[in-house]
PDB file of N, CA and C in Angstrom:
ATOM      1  N   UNK A   1      42.441  18.433  38.636  1.00  0.00           N
ATOM      2  CA  UNK A   1      43.273  17.279  38.468  1.00  0.00           C
ATOM      3  C   UNK A   1      42.458  15.982  38.466  1.00  0.00           C
ATOM      4  N   UNK A   2      41.330  15.980  39.154  1.00  0.00           N
ATOM      5  CA  UNK A   2      40.491  14.782  39.194  1.00  0.00           C
ATOM      6  C   UNK A   2      39.821  14.509  37.848  1.00  0.00           C
ATOM      7  N   UNK A   3      39.699  15.508  37.034  1.00  0.00           N
ATOM      8  CA  UNK A   3      39.045  15.346  35.739  1.00  0.00           C
ATOM      9  C   UNK A   3      39.968  14.704  34.710  1.00  0.00           C
ATOM     10  N   UNK A   4      41.249  14.718  34.950  1.00  0.00           N
ATOM     11  CA  UNK A   4      42.212  14.174  33.997  1.00  0.00           C
ATOM     12  C   UNK A   4      42.014  12.672  33.753  1.00  0.00           C
ATOM     13  N   UNK A   5      41.860  11.832  34.777  1.00  0.00           N
ATOM     14  CA  UNK A   5      41.616  10.407  34.506  1.00  0.00           C
ATOM     15  C   UNK A   5      40.319  10.148  33.733  1.00  0.00           C
ATOM     16  N   UNK A   6      39.296  10.918  34.006  1.00  0.00           N
ATOM     17  CA  UNK A   6      38.036  10.750  33.291  1.00  0.00           C
ATOM     18  C   UNK A   6      38.209  11.118  31.824  1.00  0.00           C
ATOM     19  N   UNK A   7      38.888  12.205  31.561  1.00  0.00           N
ATOM     20  CA  UNK A   7      39.156  12.617  30.184  1.00  0.00           C
ATOM     21  C   UNK A   7      39.982  11.564  29.460  1.00  0.00           C
ATOM     22  N   UNK A   8      40.984  11.023  30.139  1.00  0.00           N
ATOM     23  CA  UNK A   8      41.821   9.980  29.551  1.00  0.00           C
ATOM     24  C   UNK A   8      40.993   8.751  29.190  1.00  0.00           C
ATOM     25  N   UNK A   9      40.120   8.313  30.074  1.00  0.00           N
ATOM     26  CA  UNK A   9      39.262   7.153  29.797  1.00  0.00           C
ATOM     27  C   UNK A   9      38.326   7.406  28.626  1.00  0.00           C
ATOM     28  N   UNK A  10      37.788   8.604  28.535  1.00  0.00           N
ATOM     29  CA  UNK A  10      36.911   8.929  27.416  1.00  0.00           C
ATOM     30  C   UNK A  10      37.670   8.900  26.089  1.00  0.00           C
ATOM     31  N   UNK A  11      38.868   9.416  26.078  1.00  0.00           N
ATOM     32  CA  UNK A  11      39.668   9.407  24.847  1.00  0.00           C
ATOM     33  C   UNK A  11      40.051   7.987  24.448  1.00  0.00           C
ATOM     34  N   UNK A  12      40.420   7.171  25.404  1.00  0.00           N
ATOM     35  CA  UNK A  12      40.787   5.777  25.117  1.00  0.00           C
ATOM     36  C   UNK A  12      39.574   5.006  24.606  1.00  0.00           C
ATOM     37  N   UNK A  13      38.426   5.155  25.245  1.00  0.00           N
ATOM     38  CA  UNK A  13      37.239   4.416  24.811  1.00  0.00           C
ATOM     39  C   UNK A  13      36.805   4.851  23.417  1.00  0.00           C
ATOM     40  N   UNK A  14      36.920   6.106  23.099  1.00  0.00           N
ATOM     41  CA  UNK A  14      36.578   6.593  21.767  1.00  0.00           C
ATOM     42  C   UNK A  14      37.497   5.976  20.721  1.00  0.00           C
ATOM     43  N   UNK A  15      38.766   5.881  21.020  1.00  0.00           N
ATOM     44  CA  UNK A  15      39.733   5.288  20.099  1.00  0.00           C
ATOM     45  C   UNK A  15      39.453   3.808  19.888  1.00  0.00           C
ATOM     46  N   UNK A  16      39.134   3.092  20.941  1.00  0.00           N
ATOM     47  CA  UNK A  16      38.882   1.653  20.829  1.00  0.00           C
ATOM     48  C   UNK A  16      37.628   1.356  20.028  1.00  0.00           C
ATOM     49  N   UNK A  17      36.580   2.109  20.226  1.00  0.00           N
ATOM     50  CA  UNK A  17      35.322   1.824  19.550  1.00  0.00           C
ATOM     51  C   UNK A  17      35.274   2.364  18.118  1.00  0.00           C
ATOM     52  N   UNK A  18      36.142   3.267  17.764  1.00  0.00           N
ATOM     53  CA  UNK A  18      36.097   3.831  16.421  1.00  0.00           C
ATOM     54  C   UNK A  18      36.768   2.933  15.388  1.00  0.00           C
ATOM     55  N   UNK A  19      37.322   1.813  15.798  1.00  0.00           N
ATOM     56  CA  UNK A  19      38.014   0.919  14.879  1.00  0.00           C
ATOM     57  C   UNK A  19      37.064   0.045  14.078  1.00  0.00           C
ATOM     58  N   UNK A  20      35.845  -0.098  14.476  1.00  0.00           N
ATOM     59  CA  UNK A  20      34.907  -1.008  13.830  1.00  0.00           C
ATOM     60  C   UNK A  20      33.907  -0.255  12.959  1.00  0.00           C
ATOM     61  N   UNK A  21      34.412   0.501  12.017  1.00  0.00           N
ATOM     62  CA  UNK A  21      33.532   1.245  11.129  1.00  0.00           C
ATOM     63  C   UNK A  21      33.179   0.416   9.904  1.00  0.00           C
ATOM     64  N   UNK A  22      31.931   0.450   9.530  1.00  0.00           N
ATOM     65  CA  UNK A  22      31.488  -0.226   8.312  1.00  0.00           C
ATOM     66  C   UNK A  22      31.879   0.617   7.096  1.00  0.00           C
ATOM     67  N   UNK A  23      31.877   0.035   5.890  1.00  0.00           N
ATOM     68  CA  UNK A  23      32.157   0.845   4.698  1.00  0.00           C
ATOM     69  C   UNK A  23      31.195   2.034   4.569  1.00  0.00           C
ATOM     70  N   UNK A  24      29.958   1.853   4.980  1.00  0.00           N
ATOM     71  CA  UNK A  24      28.983   2.949   4.946  1.00  0.00           C
ATOM     72  C   UNK A  24      29.439   4.088   5.861  1.00  0.00           C
ATOM     73  N   UNK A  25      29.886   3.733   7.063  1.00  0.00           N
ATOM     74  CA  UNK A  25      30.320   4.749   8.013  1.00  0.00           C
ATOM     75  C   UNK A  25      31.648   5.398   7.595  1.00  0.00           C
ATOM     76  N   UNK A  26      32.503   4.645   6.923  1.00  0.00           N
ATOM     77  CA  UNK A  26      33.782   5.189   6.472  1.00  0.00           C
ATOM     78  C   UNK A  26      33.604   6.165   5.313  1.00  0.00           C
ATOM     79  N   UNK A  27      32.604   5.945   4.492  1.00  0.00           N
ATOM     80  CA  UNK A  27      32.381   6.792   3.325  1.00  0.00           C
ATOM     81  C   UNK A  27      31.509   7.978   3.641  1.00  0.00           C
ATOM     82  N   UNK A  28      30.844   8.461   2.621  1.00  0.00           N
ATOM     83  CA  UNK A  28      29.995   9.635   2.819  1.00  0.00           C
ATOM     84  C   UNK A  28      28.521   9.269   2.946  1.00  0.00           C
ATOM     85  N   UNK A  29      28.241   8.036   3.253  1.00  0.00           N
ATOM     86  CA  UNK A  29      26.872   7.636   3.557  1.00  0.00           C
ATOM     87  C   UNK A  29      26.050   7.184   2.371  1.00  0.00           C
ATOM     88  N   UNK A  30      26.678   6.965   1.224  1.00  0.00           N
ATOM     89  CA  UNK A  30      25.882   6.521   0.087  1.00  0.00           C
ATOM     90  C   UNK A  30      26.437   5.249  -0.567  1.00  0.00           C
ATOM     91  N   UNK A  31      27.322   4.524   0.144  1.00  0.00           N
ATOM     92  CA  UNK A  31      27.838   3.287  -0.402  1.00  0.00           C
ATOM     93  C   UNK A  31      27.200   2.092   0.298  1.00  0.00           C
ATOM     94  N   UNK A  32      27.212   0.994  -0.396  1.00  0.00           N
ATOM     95  CA  UNK A  32      26.845  -0.261   0.240  1.00  0.00           C
ATOM     96  C   UNK A  32      28.087  -1.134   0.257  1.00  0.00           C
ATOM     97  N   UNK A  33      28.054  -2.156   1.036  1.00  0.00           N
ATOM     98  CA  UNK A  33      29.209  -3.024   1.187  1.00  0.00           C
ATOM     99  C   UNK A  33      29.127  -4.214   0.238  1.00  0.00           C
ATOM    100  N   UNK A  34      30.279  -4.750  -0.098  1.00  0.00           N
ATOM    101  CA  UNK A  34      30.298  -5.982  -0.887  1.00  0.00           C
ATOM    102  C   UNK A  34      30.189  -7.163   0.066  1.00  0.00           C
ATOM    103  N   UNK A  35      29.927  -8.323  -0.492  1.00  0.00           N
ATOM    104  CA  UNK A  35      29.821  -9.528   0.328  1.00  0.00           C
ATOM    105  C   UNK A  35      31.134  -9.805   1.052  1.00  0.00           C
ATOM    106  N   UNK A  36      32.259  -9.666   0.361  1.00  0.00           N
ATOM    107  CA  UNK A  36      33.563  -9.919   0.978  1.00  0.00           C
ATOM    108  C   UNK A  36      33.879  -8.909   2.074  1.00  0.00           C
ATOM    109  N   UNK A  37      33.534  -7.649   1.869  1.00  0.00           N
ATOM    110  CA  UNK A  37      33.746  -6.644   2.915  1.00  0.00           C
ATOM    111  C   UNK A  37      32.914  -6.958   4.145  1.00  0.00           C
ATOM    112  N   UNK A  38      31.691  -7.395   3.930  1.00  0.00           N
ATOM    113  CA  UNK A  38      30.816  -7.757   5.048  1.00  0.00           C
ATOM    114  C   UNK A  38      31.396  -8.933   5.817  1.00  0.00           C
ATOM    115  N   UNK A  39      31.860  -9.947   5.098  1.00  0.00           N
ATOM    116  CA  UNK A  39      32.427 -11.126   5.766  1.00  0.00           C
ATOM    117  C   UNK A  39      33.653 -10.739   6.584  1.00  0.00           C
ATOM    118  N   UNK A  40      34.523  -9.936   6.018  1.00  0.00           N
ATOM    119  CA  UNK A  40      35.737  -9.532   6.719  1.00  0.00           C
ATOM    120  C   UNK A  40      35.413  -8.666   7.938  1.00  0.00           C
ATOM    121  N   UNK A  41      34.413  -7.803   7.824  1.00  0.00           N
ATOM    122  CA  UNK A  41      34.001  -6.966   8.950  1.00  0.00           C
ATOM    123  C   UNK A  41      33.542  -7.831  10.121  1.00  0.00           C
ATOM    124  N   UNK A  42      32.678  -8.816   9.853  1.00  0.00           N
ATOM    125  CA  UNK A  42      32.174  -9.667  10.929  1.00  0.00           C
ATOM    126  C   UNK A  42      33.220 -10.646  11.441  1.00  0.00           C
ATOM    127  N   UNK A  43      34.138 -11.080  10.598  1.00  0.00           N
ATOM    128  CA  UNK A  43      35.257 -11.897  11.087  1.00  0.00           C
ATOM    129  C   UNK A  43      36.105 -11.097  12.063  1.00  0.00           C
ATOM    130  N   UNK A  44      36.355  -9.843  11.730  1.00  0.00           N
ATOM    131  CA  UNK A  44      37.123  -8.979  12.618  1.00  0.00           C
ATOM    132  C   UNK A  44      36.433  -8.774  13.959  1.00  0.00           C
ATOM    133  N   UNK A  45      35.125  -8.588  13.918  1.00  0.00           N
ATOM    134  CA  UNK A  45      34.382  -8.446  15.173  1.00  0.00           C
ATOM    135  C   UNK A  45      34.476  -9.710  16.017  1.00  0.00           C
ATOM    136  N   UNK A  46      34.391 -10.864  15.367  1.00  0.00           N
ATOM    137  CA  UNK A  46      34.453 -12.116  16.127  1.00  0.00           C
ATOM    138  C   UNK A  46      35.843 -12.343  16.721  1.00  0.00           C
ATOM    139  N   UNK A  47      36.882 -11.854  16.069  1.00  0.00           N
ATOM    140  CA  UNK A  47      38.227 -11.961  16.640  1.00  0.00           C
ATOM    141  C   UNK A  47      38.404 -10.999  17.816  1.00  0.00           C
ATOM    142  N   UNK A  48      37.739  -9.873  17.753  1.00  0.00           N
ATOM    143  CA  UNK A  48      37.914  -8.842  18.769  1.00  0.00           C
ATOM    144  C   UNK A  48      37.042  -9.066  20.005  1.00  0.00           C
ATOM    145  N   UNK A  49      35.859  -9.649  19.816  1.00  0.00           N
ATOM    146  CA  UNK A  49      34.923  -9.821  20.920  1.00  0.00           C
ATOM    147  C   UNK A  49      34.572 -11.298  21.082  1.00  0.00           C
ATOM    148  N   UNK A  50      34.880 -11.905  22.216  1.00  0.00           N
ATOM    149  CA  UNK A  50      34.604 -13.326  22.425  1.00  0.00           C
ATOM    150  C   UNK A  50      33.114 -13.682  22.376  1.00  0.00           C
ATOM    151  N   UNK A  51      32.240 -12.740  22.619  1.00  0.00           N
ATOM    152  CA  UNK A  51      30.803 -13.018  22.608  1.00  0.00           C
ATOM    153  C   UNK A  51      30.260 -13.195  21.193  1.00  0.00           C
ATOM    154  N   UNK A  52      31.037 -12.806  20.172  1.00  0.00           N
ATOM    155  CA  UNK A  52      30.594 -12.906  18.788  1.00  0.00           C
ATOM    156  C   UNK A  52      31.305 -14.073  18.130  1.00  0.00           C
ATOM    157  N   UNK A  53      30.531 -14.922  17.463  1.00  0.00           N
ATOM    158  CA  UNK A  53      31.167 -16.018  16.730  1.00  0.00           C
ATOM    159  C   UNK A  53      30.781 -15.894  15.253  1.00  0.00           C
ATOM    160  N   UNK A  54      31.722 -16.227  14.413  1.00  0.00           N
ATOM    161  CA  UNK A  54      31.501 -16.167  12.963  1.00  0.00           C
ATOM    162  C   UNK A  54      31.589 -17.583  12.443  1.00  0.00           C
ATOM    163  N   UNK A  55      30.518 -18.052  11.825  1.00  0.00           N
ATOM    164  CA  UNK A  55      30.464 -19.402  11.287  1.00  0.00           C
ATOM    165  C   UNK A  55      30.114 -19.335   9.810  1.00  0.00           C
ATOM    166  N   UNK A  56      30.750 -20.184   9.033  1.00  0.00           N
ATOM    167  CA  UNK A  56      30.419 -20.251   7.612  1.00  0.00           C
ATOM    168  C   UNK A  56      29.520 -21.450   7.354  1.00  0.00           C
ATOM    169  N   UNK A  57      28.622 -21.283   6.449  1.00  0.00           N
ATOM    170  CA  UNK A  57      27.677 -22.339   6.058  1.00  0.00           C
ATOM    171  C   UNK A  57      27.604 -22.376   4.542  1.00  0.00           C
ATOM    172  N   UNK A  58      27.305 -23.503   3.994  1.00  0.00           N
ATOM    173  CA  UNK A  58      27.108 -23.588   2.564  1.00  0.00           C
ATOM    174  C   UNK A  58      28.410 -23.712   1.788  1.00  0.00           C
ATOM    175  N   UNK A  59      28.330 -23.430   0.512  1.00  0.00           N
ATOM    176  CA  UNK A  59      29.439 -23.677  -0.373  1.00  0.00           C
ATOM    177  C   UNK A  59      30.367 -22.524  -0.650  1.00  0.00           C
ATOM    178  N   UNK A  60      30.188 -21.407  -0.054  1.00  0.00           N
ATOM    179  CA  UNK A  60      31.059 -20.273  -0.356  1.00  0.00           C
ATOM    180  C   UNK A  60      32.266 -20.222   0.461  1.00  0.00           C
TER     181      UNK A  60
END
C-alpha cells in the first residue's frame, strides 16, 4: 500500500512533462521545425514556467 502514492506521483510527473514535445520528438526523428513552430514552442514554455521568458527582437 505504501507503493501506491509513489506510483501515482510517477504517473502524474510523466504526464506533466510529456506535454512539451518538440516536432522532432513528436515525429519519427527525421523532421525539423519551422520558425513559427519553434516560436510557439518557446512561447508555450515561457507561459508554463516562470523561469523562462520569451522576448521578441527585430522586425518579425
